[in-house]
Every structure is written in C-alpha cells, then in structure tokens.
Amino acid sequence: MSKKSSGGVRPLPFLLAVPLYAVLAVLAFSKPAAERLGDQGQRIAQASLGALLATHAGEAALISRRVRKRGYPDQAGKWARSTLLWGFPNHLRVGKLEPASAE
C-alpha cells in the first residue's frame, strides 16, 4: 500500500502561532494589562480573543472537511489543528493540495 503524496503542501507550523495567542491572552486577562488598558480596553481584548477562537474553530472544521474531500483523511486532523491557530492562510494552502489519486 503506497502512501499518498500531498505535493509538498503542508499546514502552517503550529508552534509559531502560540506566542501570538499568549500575548493576546496576557492582554485579555492580566492585571497589569487591565491597569494600562482600562476595563473597557481589556473587555475588548477578551472579546477579540473569544471571537478569534470561535472563528478559527469554524474554519478548522471546514478545513478538515476540505482535506478529506481532497483524499487525505489521515491529514485532516493535522490541518484542522493548524487552522485553529492560523485561520485563513490554511484555506489558501489547502487549495494548493493536489487531489489524491484513487488507487
């Protein structure tokens, strides 16, 4: 049984996005940030983080489905996890995936 090739297209690196989320989480929930931003500023940071995560969760579900339809069910979870952090850029990358040939 041969392994399907995705044509060299891979999801964006998972760990590169973690620092971006860490900074936003600090702004949204830390006391020093609350003192600098004020209550309204911190509520905006919290809402932004929540909206970002909700949007990316929806995008991750869509990406998982697109990857499966392209013939790579074994890679769907990997793409979904990457999309949970990166969001839209992964949609562009999945578009470059070559459909797997039926064997």
C-alpha atoms as a PDB file:
ATOM      1  CA  MET A   1       0.000   0.000   0.000  1.00  0.00           C
ATOM      2  CA  SER A   2       1.586   3.269  -1.078  1.00  0.00           C
ATOM      3  CA  LYS A   3       1.421   6.476   0.899  1.00  0.00           C
ATOM      4  CA  LYS A   4      -0.426   9.360  -0.765  1.00  0.00           C
ATOM      5  CA  SER A   5       1.615  12.454  -1.532  1.00  0.00           C
ATOM      6  CA  SER A   6       0.215  15.908  -0.833  1.00  0.00           C
ATOM      7  CA  GLY A   7       2.553  17.517  -3.357  1.00  0.00           C
ATOM      8  CA  GLY A   8       4.725  19.118  -0.680  1.00  0.00           C
ATOM      9  CA  VAL A   9       1.919  21.324   0.689  1.00  0.00           C
ATOM     10  CA  ARG A  10       1.770  21.192   4.476  1.00  0.00           C
ATOM     11  CA  PRO A  11      -0.158  23.117   7.134  1.00  0.00           C
ATOM     12  CA  LEU A  12       1.488  26.138   8.697  1.00  0.00           C
ATOM     13  CA  PRO A  13       3.664  25.370  11.744  1.00  0.00           C
ATOM     14  CA  PHE A  14       1.550  25.016  14.871  1.00  0.00           C
ATOM     15  CA  LEU A  15       4.024  26.435  17.390  1.00  0.00           C
ATOM     16  CA  LEU A  16       4.759  29.673  15.553  1.00  0.00           C
ATOM     17  CA  ALA A  17       1.272  30.996  16.351  1.00  0.00           C
ATOM     18  CA  VAL A  18       1.377  30.172  20.077  1.00  0.00           C
ATOM     19  CA  PRO A  19       3.278  33.355  21.068  1.00  0.00           C
ATOM     20  CA  LEU A  20       0.661  35.479  19.301  1.00  0.00           C
ATOM     21  CA  TYR A  21      -2.120  33.869  21.328  1.00  0.00           C
ATOM     22  CA  ALA A  22      -0.066  34.165  24.521  1.00  0.00           C
ATOM     23  CA  VAL A  23       0.311  37.926  24.039  1.00  0.00           C
ATOM     24  CA  LEU A  24      -3.407  38.353  23.359  1.00  0.00           C
ATOM     25  CA  ALA A  25      -4.286  36.211  26.407  1.00  0.00           C
ATOM     26  CA  VAL A  26      -1.995  38.319  28.615  1.00  0.00           C
ATOM     27  CA  LEU A  27      -3.645  41.492  27.341  1.00  0.00           C
ATOM     28  CA  ALA A  28      -7.079  39.998  27.893  1.00  0.00           C
ATOM     29  CA  PHE A  29      -6.624  38.591  31.395  1.00  0.00           C
ATOM     30  CA  SER A  30      -3.659  40.055  33.295  1.00  0.00           C
ATOM     31  CA  LYS A  31      -3.973  42.715  35.986  1.00  0.00           C
ATOM     32  CA  PRO A  32      -1.078  44.865  34.699  1.00  0.00           C
ATOM     33  CA  ALA A  33      -2.726  44.945  31.267  1.00  0.00           C
ATOM     34  CA  ALA A  34      -6.031  45.917  32.889  1.00  0.00           C
ATOM     35  CA  GLU A  35      -4.309  48.845  34.594  1.00  0.00           C
ATOM     36  CA  ARG A  36      -2.832  50.048  31.297  1.00  0.00           C
ATOM     37  CA  LEU A  37      -5.800  49.317  29.044  1.00  0.00           C
ATOM     38  CA  GLY A  38      -8.580  50.124  31.445  1.00  0.00           C
ATOM     39  CA  ASP A  39     -11.669  47.963  31.931  1.00  0.00           C
ATOM     40  CA  GLN A  40     -13.131  48.673  28.516  1.00  0.00           C
ATOM     41  CA  GLY A  41      -9.827  48.009  26.737  1.00  0.00           C
ATOM     42  CA  GLN A  42      -9.446  44.689  28.491  1.00  0.00           C
ATOM     43  CA  ARG A  43     -13.043  43.705  27.669  1.00  0.00           C
ATOM     44  CA  ILE A  44     -12.279  44.456  24.007  1.00  0.00           C
ATOM     45  CA  ALA A  45      -9.163  42.241  24.193  1.00  0.00           C
ATOM     46  CA  GLN A  46     -11.224  39.444  25.781  1.00  0.00           C
ATOM     47  CA  ALA A  47     -13.944  39.740  23.146  1.00  0.00           C
ATOM     48  CA  SER A  48     -11.313  39.778  20.389  1.00  0.00           C
ATOM     49  CA  LEU A  49      -9.700  36.608  21.735  1.00  0.00           C
ATOM     50  CA  GLY A  50     -13.083  34.885  22.012  1.00  0.00           C
ATOM     51  CA  ALA A  51     -14.136  35.917  18.502  1.00  0.00           C
ATOM     52  CA  LEU A  52     -10.773  34.835  17.101  1.00  0.00           C
ATOM     53  CA  LEU A  53     -11.016  31.390  18.682  1.00  0.00           C
ATOM     54  CA  ALA A  54     -14.647  30.916  17.611  1.00  0.00           C
ATOM     55  CA  THR A  55     -13.895  31.925  14.023  1.00  0.00           C
ATOM     56  CA  HIS A  56     -10.832  29.714  13.820  1.00  0.00           C
ATOM     57  CA  ALA A  57     -12.754  26.754  15.287  1.00  0.00           C
ATOM     58  CA  GLY A  58     -15.295  27.076  12.478  1.00  0.00           C
ATOM     59  CA  GLU A  59     -12.524  27.392   9.913  1.00  0.00           C
ATOM     60  CA  ALA A  60     -10.813  24.303  11.344  1.00  0.00           C
ATOM     61  CA  ALA A  61     -13.992  22.274  10.826  1.00  0.00           C
ATOM     62  CA  LEU A  62     -14.221  23.473   7.216  1.00  0.00           C
ATOM     63  CA  ILE A  63     -10.550  22.727   6.539  1.00  0.00           C
ATOM     64  CA  SER A  64     -10.894  19.222   7.943  1.00  0.00           C
ATOM     65  CA  ARG A  65     -13.736  18.565   5.525  1.00  0.00           C
ATOM     66  CA  ARG A  66     -11.864  20.061   2.548  1.00  0.00           C
ATOM     67  CA  VAL A  67      -8.755  17.963   3.247  1.00  0.00           C
ATOM     68  CA  ARG A  68     -10.863  14.790   3.489  1.00  0.00           C
ATOM     69  CA  LYS A  69     -12.591  15.623   0.187  1.00  0.00           C
ATOM     70  CA  ARG A  70      -9.190  16.056  -1.468  1.00  0.00           C
ATOM     71  CA  GLY A  71      -8.387  12.484  -0.452  1.00  0.00           C
ATOM     72  CA  TYR A  72      -6.200  12.927   2.638  1.00  0.00           C
ATOM     73  CA  PRO A  73      -8.326  11.779   5.604  1.00  0.00           C
ATOM     74  CA  ASP A  74      -5.190  10.870   7.581  1.00  0.00           C
ATOM     75  CA  GLN A  75      -4.029  14.530   7.425  1.00  0.00           C
ATOM     76  CA  ALA A  76      -7.361  16.187   8.258  1.00  0.00           C
ATOM     77  CA  GLY A  77      -6.649  16.489  11.995  1.00  0.00           C
ATOM     78  CA  LYS A  78      -3.220  17.998  11.411  1.00  0.00           C
ATOM     79  CA  TRP A  79      -4.675  20.630   9.083  1.00  0.00           C
ATOM     80  CA  ALA A  80      -7.545  21.354  11.498  1.00  0.00           C
ATOM     81  CA  ARG A  81      -5.174  21.914  14.450  1.00  0.00           C
ATOM     82  CA  SER A  82      -3.022  24.242  12.380  1.00  0.00           C
ATOM     83  CA  THR A  83      -6.087  26.169  11.205  1.00  0.00           C
ATOM     84  CA  LEU A  84      -7.319  26.525  14.776  1.00  0.00           C
ATOM     85  CA  LEU A  85      -4.329  28.796  15.370  1.00  0.00           C
ATOM     86  CA  TRP A  86      -3.616  30.270  11.927  1.00  0.00           C
ATOM     87  CA  GLY A  87      -7.063  30.557  10.377  1.00  0.00           C
ATOM     88  CA  PHE A  88      -7.475  31.782   6.810  1.00  0.00           C
ATOM     89  CA  PRO A  89      -3.955  31.234   5.388  1.00  0.00           C
ATOM     90  CA  ASN A  90      -4.532  27.486   5.613  1.00  0.00           C
ATOM     91  CA  HIS A  91      -7.541  27.783   3.278  1.00  0.00           C
ATOM     92  CA  LEU A  92      -5.166  29.088   0.627  1.00  0.00           C
ATOM     93  CA  ARG A  93      -2.697  26.286   1.278  1.00  0.00           C
ATOM     94  CA  VAL A  94      -5.369  23.561   1.084  1.00  0.00           C
ATOM     95  CA  GLY A  95      -6.361  24.970  -2.292  1.00  0.00           C
ATOM     96  CA  LYS A  96      -2.860  24.055  -3.500  1.00  0.00           C
ATOM     97  CA  LEU A  97      -3.184  20.425  -2.372  1.00  0.00           C
ATOM     98  CA  GLU A  98      -3.257  18.053  -5.306  1.00  0.00           C
ATOM     99  CA  PRO A  99      -6.266  15.751  -5.176  1.00  0.00           C
ATOM    100  CA  ALA A 100      -5.187  12.270  -4.154  1.00  0.00           C
ATOM    101  CA  SER A 101      -5.405   9.753  -6.958  1.00  0.00           C
ATOM    102  CA  ALA A 102      -7.793   6.857  -6.442  1.00  0.00           C
ATOM    103  CA  GLU A 103      -5.822   3.649  -6.181  1.00  0.00           C
END
